[in-house]
Amino acid sequence: MIIDCAVHPVLGDEEFNREIGGPWNLLRLPPLFGDRYRAPLDQLAVPAEEASSPAALAEQLRRAGIDHAVLSPSTRGYWPNPQQAAAVARAANRLFAQKWLDAPESEGRFLGSIRVALNDVDVALREIDRWADDERFVQLVLPARALGTYGEQRFFPILRTAAERGLVVFIHDDPGMLCEPPPSQVGFPSHFAEVHALRPMAGIVHMTSLIVAGVFERLPELRVVLGDVSVHAARSLAIRTDKDWQSDRLEVPWVSKDPTTYLERHVRFVTQADDEISPHSVRTEGTIGGDNASLVVYGSRHPYWDGVRAEDVFSAWSDEDRSRCFSGNAVQFYPRLAARVAAELSA
């Protein structure tokens, strides 16, 4: 079995804007990949009409041997106007459910993601409730480039609801942001290549915030998947946080365990190119934060240019570890996916 945890279908501008409705559909949507850092290449690996076609995606999944795919279309990240943000999230969820999850080509293999407006918590909670009864939705998506770290108390009700509802929280970069904070701690780089290399940092900051703020301690059922972060990059900072915690724990007494313990229990990482080039790529007893084979889930990132095919990843790993990364870890980590797979196997 192969489960693709990172497929990003494109919501076409015209149909998306129409679904958003007035008055917000009178405004032009920001470009899918943003204005500030345009890549010197085509960022879609397939024609745009294929990236927005359920039938084309279903055929792609069949050719790739994918049994289930978790879909998370982009909504252009953070929208500063709370009413507009709510309209965009509602439209994205409606359009996604109608066009993708209900598509006959889905054949039950498409699984969904709920989008919410983060600048109005009450509205976000109502949007989660609107869709969470539909078991095809398996996760809640939050943009990596946000205007605050997700360990902050203002986001806690959203995270608590996700945990209570059995929804994984998927933190993913939406590059076409309407309101774009600097992509680095020292401002705006000059080149696309720099920004692309720095993409993991936002997710790592959120992960550290969730650990140090005690969110995982308060929500033992909360599960987070980082969509654009290499496990190696995250592990190095988690180890540093372990070291600092030994001396700084007086400030954060609620962090009762080593920070890397929370990483191992609550965080998973979508496949990245450098997951297989480290000496820690294979299972190593005693590896701080857990071995990679237990922390990585397969994600193709289709239809983006930097996507990966199943046959091109984990080639140096044992059959057992490859199986875990292709399906076992996802089934173990996504509560709703586990229930779906169990029902299929018993049928």
Protein backbone atom coordinates (compact mmCIF):
# COMPACT_ATOMS: atom_id res chain seq x y z
CA MET A 1 0.00 0.00 0.00
CA ILE A 2 1.16 3.55 -0.79
CA ILE A 3 -0.43 6.59 0.85
CA ASP A 4 0.48 9.99 -0.58
CA CYS A 5 0.17 12.53 2.23
CA ALA A 6 0.99 15.64 0.18
CA VAL A 7 -0.94 16.20 -3.05
CA HIS A 8 -1.72 19.83 -3.90
CA PRO A 9 -4.45 20.19 -6.54
CA VAL A 10 -4.91 23.67 -7.96
CA LEU A 11 -8.19 25.51 -7.49
CA GLY A 12 -8.56 27.43 -10.76
CA ASP A 13 -8.71 31.20 -10.30
CA GLU A 14 -11.98 31.67 -12.18
CA GLU A 15 -13.93 28.92 -10.40
CA PHE A 16 -12.35 29.75 -7.03
CA ASN A 17 -13.22 33.44 -7.33
CA ARG A 18 -16.76 32.58 -8.40
CA GLU A 19 -17.16 30.32 -5.37
CA ILE A 20 -15.84 33.03 -3.00
CA GLY A 21 -18.72 35.30 -4.03
CA GLY A 22 -19.24 39.03 -3.60
CA PRO A 23 -17.83 41.37 -2.67
CA TRP A 24 -14.53 39.53 -2.45
CA ASN A 25 -14.73 37.99 -5.92
CA LEU A 26 -14.40 41.50 -7.36
CA LEU A 27 -10.74 41.40 -6.34
CA ARG A 28 -8.02 39.62 -8.29
CA LEU A 29 -6.62 36.54 -6.57
CA PRO A 30 -2.87 36.74 -5.89
CA PRO A 31 -0.72 34.56 -8.18
CA LEU A 32 -0.53 30.94 -7.05
CA PHE A 33 3.24 31.20 -6.49
CA GLY A 34 3.40 34.83 -5.41
CA ASP A 35 4.77 38.00 -6.97
CA ARG A 36 7.88 38.66 -4.94
CA TYR A 37 9.93 35.53 -5.70
CA ARG A 38 9.11 34.05 -9.07
CA ALA A 39 11.06 30.92 -9.99
CA PRO A 40 13.06 30.98 -13.24
CA LEU A 41 11.13 27.87 -14.27
CA ASP A 42 7.61 26.52 -14.54
CA GLN A 43 6.64 25.61 -10.98
CA LEU A 44 3.98 23.13 -12.13
CA ALA A 45 5.27 19.81 -13.41
CA VAL A 46 2.08 19.25 -15.42
CA PRO A 47 -0.07 21.60 -17.52
CA ALA A 48 -2.31 23.88 -15.43
CA GLU A 49 -5.48 22.21 -16.71
CA GLU A 50 -4.22 18.85 -15.43
CA ALA A 51 -3.29 20.33 -12.04
CA SER A 52 -6.92 21.43 -11.64
CA SER A 53 -8.56 18.24 -12.95
CA PRO A 54 -9.79 15.44 -10.66
CA ALA A 55 -9.78 13.02 -13.59
CA ALA A 56 -6.15 13.84 -14.44
CA LEU A 57 -5.12 13.44 -10.80
CA ALA A 58 -6.93 10.10 -10.50
CA GLU A 59 -5.07 8.84 -13.57
CA GLN A 60 -1.77 10.10 -12.14
CA LEU A 61 -2.43 8.24 -8.88
CA ARG A 62 -3.30 5.04 -10.75
CA ARG A 63 -0.07 5.20 -12.72
CA ALA A 64 1.91 5.82 -9.54
CA GLY A 65 0.25 2.97 -7.65
CA ILE A 66 -1.18 5.28 -4.96
CA ASP A 67 -3.97 3.73 -2.86
CA HIS A 68 -4.96 6.89 -0.96
CA ALA A 69 -4.02 10.56 -1.42
CA VAL A 70 -4.43 13.35 1.11
CA LEU A 71 -5.23 16.49 -0.90
CA SER A 72 -4.45 20.01 0.33
CA PRO A 73 -5.07 22.72 -2.29
CA SER A 74 -3.52 26.15 -1.84
CA THR A 75 -5.62 29.13 -0.74
CA ARG A 76 -2.79 31.70 -0.90
CA GLY A 77 -1.88 31.63 2.79
CA TYR A 78 -2.80 34.43 5.20
CA TRP A 79 -5.53 36.97 4.27
CA PRO A 80 -5.42 40.05 6.56
CA ASN A 81 -9.11 41.01 6.24
CA PRO A 82 -10.99 38.60 8.56
CA GLN A 83 -14.23 38.65 6.56
CA GLN A 84 -12.37 38.04 3.31
CA ALA A 85 -10.27 35.32 4.93
CA ALA A 86 -13.42 33.56 6.14
CA ALA A 87 -15.01 33.81 2.69
CA VAL A 88 -11.91 32.35 1.06
CA ALA A 89 -11.75 29.42 3.51
CA ARG A 90 -15.47 28.64 3.10
CA ALA A 91 -15.18 28.77 -0.68
CA ALA A 92 -12.08 26.57 -0.74
CA ASN A 93 -13.76 23.91 1.40
CA ARG A 94 -17.00 23.95 -0.60
CA LEU A 95 -15.27 23.87 -3.96
CA PHE A 96 -12.88 21.16 -2.84
CA ALA A 97 -15.65 18.94 -1.45
CA GLN A 98 -17.87 19.35 -4.52
CA LYS A 99 -15.25 19.11 -7.24
CA TRP A 100 -12.69 16.75 -5.75
CA LEU A 101 -14.09 14.60 -2.94
CA ASP A 102 -17.43 14.07 -4.70
CA ALA A 103 -15.82 13.45 -8.09
CA PRO A 104 -16.64 9.98 -9.49
CA GLU A 105 -12.95 9.63 -10.40
CA SER A 106 -12.07 9.82 -6.71
CA GLU A 107 -13.32 6.27 -6.12
CA GLY A 108 -12.82 6.89 -2.40
CA ARG A 109 -9.08 7.46 -2.76
CA PHE A 110 -9.17 11.26 -2.39
CA LEU A 111 -9.00 12.44 1.22
CA GLY A 112 -9.46 16.04 2.24
CA SER A 113 -8.14 19.00 4.20
CA ILE A 114 -10.08 21.73 6.00
CA ARG A 115 -8.94 25.34 5.55
CA VAL A 116 -9.76 28.03 8.13
CA ALA A 117 -9.29 31.76 8.65
CA LEU A 118 -6.79 32.17 11.48
CA ASN A 119 -7.60 35.81 12.25
CA ASP A 120 -11.04 34.95 13.67
CA VAL A 121 -10.93 31.94 15.98
CA ASP A 122 -14.72 31.67 16.45
CA VAL A 123 -15.26 31.61 12.69
CA ALA A 124 -12.46 29.06 12.31
CA LEU A 125 -14.07 26.76 14.87
CA ARG A 126 -17.42 26.97 13.09
CA GLU A 127 -15.74 26.12 9.79
CA ILE A 128 -14.11 23.05 11.33
CA ASP A 129 -17.48 21.95 12.73
CA ARG A 130 -19.06 22.47 9.31
CA TRP A 131 -16.82 19.82 7.71
CA ALA A 132 -15.44 17.64 10.49
CA ASP A 133 -18.41 15.24 10.47
CA ASP A 134 -17.36 14.23 6.95
CA GLU A 135 -14.82 11.46 7.61
CA ARG A 136 -13.20 12.08 4.23
CA PHE A 137 -11.57 15.15 5.77
CA VAL A 138 -8.54 13.83 7.65
CA GLN A 139 -6.61 17.00 8.47
CA LEU A 140 -6.67 20.73 9.13
CA VAL A 141 -4.22 22.84 7.08
CA LEU A 142 -2.41 25.87 8.52
CA PRO A 143 -0.08 28.08 6.46
CA ALA A 144 3.60 27.87 7.37
CA ARG A 145 4.20 31.56 6.75
CA ALA A 146 2.00 33.05 9.44
CA LEU A 147 2.06 36.27 11.48
CA GLY A 148 2.52 34.40 14.75
CA THR A 149 3.88 31.11 16.04
CA TYR A 150 1.32 28.35 16.55
CA GLY A 151 2.27 27.82 20.17
CA GLU A 152 0.62 31.15 21.01
CA GLN A 153 -2.50 30.89 23.16
CA ARG A 154 -4.72 32.56 20.53
CA PHE A 155 -4.37 29.48 18.30
CA PHE A 156 -4.96 26.95 21.09
CA PRO A 157 -8.76 26.55 20.59
CA ILE A 158 -8.18 25.65 16.92
CA LEU A 159 -5.52 23.08 17.79
CA ARG A 160 -7.66 21.65 20.61
CA THR A 161 -10.62 21.20 18.27
CA ALA A 162 -8.42 19.47 15.70
CA ALA A 163 -7.12 17.07 18.35
CA GLU A 164 -10.61 16.37 19.72
CA ARG A 165 -11.97 15.75 16.24
CA GLY A 166 -9.16 13.38 15.24
CA LEU A 167 -7.80 15.78 12.61
CA VAL A 168 -4.08 15.94 11.95
CA VAL A 169 -2.71 19.50 11.68
CA PHE A 170 -0.80 19.87 8.40
CA ILE A 171 1.53 22.91 8.28
CA HIS A 172 2.23 23.72 4.65
CA ASP A 173 3.78 26.63 2.76
CA ASP A 174 1.35 28.62 0.61
CA PRO A 175 3.79 30.74 -1.44
CA GLY A 176 1.20 33.01 -3.08
CA MET A 177 0.50 35.06 0.03
CA LEU A 178 -1.68 38.15 0.00
CA CYS A 179 0.12 39.45 3.09
CA GLU A 180 3.69 38.22 3.08
CA PRO A 181 6.00 38.39 6.10
CA PRO A 182 9.76 38.24 5.49
CA PRO A 183 10.81 34.65 4.68
CA SER A 184 13.84 34.93 6.97
CA GLN A 185 14.70 36.40 10.37
CA VAL A 186 16.87 39.02 8.68
CA GLY A 187 14.38 40.26 6.11
CA PHE A 188 13.86 39.61 2.43
CA PRO A 189 16.48 37.63 0.46
CA SER A 190 17.31 38.55 -3.12
CA HIS A 191 16.67 35.31 -4.99
CA PHE A 192 14.11 32.54 -5.35
CA ALA A 193 16.88 30.01 -4.67
CA GLU A 194 17.43 31.50 -1.21
CA VAL A 195 13.74 31.52 -0.36
CA HIS A 196 13.29 27.94 -1.52
CA ALA A 197 16.26 26.82 0.59
CA LEU A 198 14.85 28.64 3.63
CA ARG A 199 11.33 27.14 3.37
CA PRO A 200 11.90 24.57 6.16
CA MET A 201 12.59 27.27 8.75
CA ALA A 202 8.97 28.41 9.19
CA GLY A 203 7.78 24.90 10.01
CA ILE A 204 10.68 24.33 12.39
CA VAL A 205 9.83 27.54 14.25
CA HIS A 206 6.20 26.44 14.64
CA MET A 207 7.33 23.00 15.84
CA THR A 208 9.62 24.54 18.46
CA SER A 209 6.86 26.91 19.56
CA LEU A 210 4.37 24.06 20.02
CA ILE A 211 6.89 22.14 22.12
CA VAL A 212 8.14 25.00 24.31
CA ALA A 213 4.69 26.54 24.85
CA GLY A 214 3.52 23.18 26.19
CA VAL A 215 0.82 22.64 23.55
CA PHE A 216 1.69 18.95 23.12
CA GLU A 217 1.68 18.56 26.90
CA ARG A 218 -1.82 20.05 27.09
CA LEU A 219 -3.06 18.19 24.00
CA PRO A 220 -1.61 14.68 24.13
CA GLU A 221 -3.72 13.65 21.09
CA LEU A 222 -2.50 16.50 18.86
CA ARG A 223 -0.62 15.32 15.76
CA VAL A 224 1.28 17.63 13.41
CA VAL A 225 2.66 16.93 9.94
CA LEU A 226 5.23 19.36 8.52
CA GLY A 227 4.90 19.49 4.77
CA ASP A 228 8.02 21.41 3.72
CA VAL A 229 10.53 20.48 6.40
CA SER A 230 13.35 17.96 6.24
CA VAL A 231 13.50 15.71 9.27
CA HIS A 232 17.25 16.34 9.41
CA ALA A 233 16.87 20.11 9.63
CA ALA A 234 14.17 19.77 12.30
CA ARG A 235 16.12 17.22 14.32
CA SER A 236 19.18 19.46 14.60
CA LEU A 237 17.17 22.30 16.15
CA ALA A 238 15.23 19.89 18.37
CA ILE A 239 18.52 18.56 19.74
CA ARG A 240 19.63 22.13 20.43
CA THR A 241 16.32 22.74 22.20
CA ASP A 242 16.98 19.61 24.29
CA LYS A 243 20.32 21.05 25.36
CA ASP A 244 18.91 24.47 26.23
CA TRP A 245 15.98 22.90 28.08
CA GLN A 246 18.38 21.30 30.54
CA SER A 247 19.36 24.76 31.79
CA ASP A 248 16.29 26.85 30.86
CA ARG A 249 13.52 24.55 32.06
CA LEU A 250 12.88 26.84 35.05
CA GLU A 251 11.14 29.21 32.62
CA VAL A 252 8.99 26.48 31.04
CA PRO A 253 8.19 24.02 33.86
CA TRP A 254 5.24 22.65 31.86
CA VAL A 255 7.67 21.02 29.40
CA SER A 256 8.00 17.83 31.43
CA LYS A 257 9.90 15.73 28.87
CA ASP A 258 12.88 16.19 26.58
CA PRO A 259 11.75 18.35 23.61
CA THR A 260 12.80 15.62 21.19
CA THR A 261 10.37 13.26 22.92
CA TYR A 262 7.50 15.50 21.81
CA LEU A 263 8.90 15.50 18.27
CA GLU A 264 8.93 11.71 18.22
CA ARG A 265 5.40 11.37 19.57
CA HIS A 266 3.58 14.26 17.90
CA VAL A 267 5.36 15.28 14.66
CA ARG A 268 5.87 13.67 11.27
CA PHE A 269 7.62 14.95 8.14
CA VAL A 270 6.72 14.70 4.47
CA THR A 271 9.39 13.18 2.22
CA GLN A 272 12.23 15.56 1.32
CA ALA A 273 15.18 14.99 -0.99
CA ASP A 274 17.78 15.06 1.79
CA ASP A 275 16.02 12.46 3.95
CA GLU A 276 18.18 9.78 2.34
CA ILE A 277 21.61 11.41 2.22
CA SER A 278 22.37 11.47 5.94
CA PRO A 279 24.11 8.66 7.84
CA HIS A 280 21.04 8.69 10.09
CA SER A 281 18.73 7.78 7.19
CA VAL A 282 18.62 4.14 8.18
CA ARG A 283 17.22 2.97 11.47
CA THR A 284 19.62 3.67 14.30
CA GLU A 285 18.98 2.52 17.83
CA GLY A 286 19.04 5.42 20.28
CA THR A 287 18.81 8.16 17.64
CA ILE A 288 17.69 11.34 19.38
CA GLY A 289 14.11 12.14 18.46
CA GLY A 290 13.49 8.76 16.85
CA ASP A 291 14.80 7.19 13.66
CA ASN A 292 13.79 8.63 10.30
CA ALA A 293 11.86 5.53 9.30
CA SER A 294 9.37 6.27 12.08
CA LEU A 295 9.12 10.02 11.43
CA VAL A 296 8.72 10.30 7.65
CA VAL A 297 5.55 9.87 5.60
CA TYR A 298 5.53 9.74 1.82
CA GLY A 299 4.34 12.82 -0.01
CA SER A 300 4.76 13.39 -3.74
CA ARG A 301 4.00 17.15 -3.63
CA HIS A 302 2.30 16.67 -7.00
CA PRO A 303 1.92 18.75 -9.19
CA TYR A 304 4.83 20.99 -8.15
CA TRP A 305 8.20 20.99 -9.89
CA ASP A 306 10.05 19.67 -6.83
CA GLY A 307 7.75 16.69 -6.34
CA VAL A 308 9.06 13.15 -5.86
CA ARG A 309 7.85 9.84 -7.27
CA ALA A 310 7.42 6.81 -5.02
CA GLU A 311 9.92 4.77 -7.03
CA ASP A 312 12.59 7.44 -6.49
CA VAL A 313 12.55 7.56 -2.67
CA PHE A 314 13.73 5.32 0.15
CA SER A 315 15.76 3.20 -2.27
CA ALA A 316 18.55 2.63 0.27
CA TRP A 317 16.18 1.62 3.06
CA SER A 318 15.10 -1.88 4.02
CA ASP A 319 11.77 -3.21 2.76
CA GLU A 320 10.38 -2.95 6.27
CA ASP A 321 11.34 0.71 6.63
CA ARG A 322 10.13 1.58 3.13
CA SER A 323 6.77 0.02 3.94
CA ARG A 324 6.49 2.09 7.10
CA CYS A 325 7.20 5.31 5.23
CA PHE A 326 4.90 4.52 2.32
CA SER A 327 1.90 3.60 4.44
CA GLY A 328 2.48 2.31 7.97
CA ASN A 329 3.45 5.65 9.52
CA ALA A 330 0.51 7.45 7.94
CA VAL A 331 -1.99 4.80 9.07
CA GLN A 332 -0.55 4.95 12.59
CA PHE A 333 -0.52 8.77 12.69
CA TYR A 334 -3.78 9.81 10.96
CA PRO A 335 -6.70 8.59 13.13
CA ARG A 336 -9.29 8.95 10.35
CA LEU A 337 -7.05 7.29 7.81
CA ALA A 338 -6.51 4.38 10.19
CA ALA A 339 -10.27 3.90 10.51
CA ARG A 340 -10.72 4.02 6.74
CA VAL A 341 -7.96 1.48 6.03
CA ALA A 342 -9.23 -0.84 8.76
CA ALA A 343 -12.73 -0.74 7.28
CA GLU A 344 -11.39 -1.53 3.80
CA LEU A 345 -9.31 -4.46 5.04
CA SER A 346 -12.27 -5.95 6.91
CA ALA A 347 -14.65 -5.54 3.96
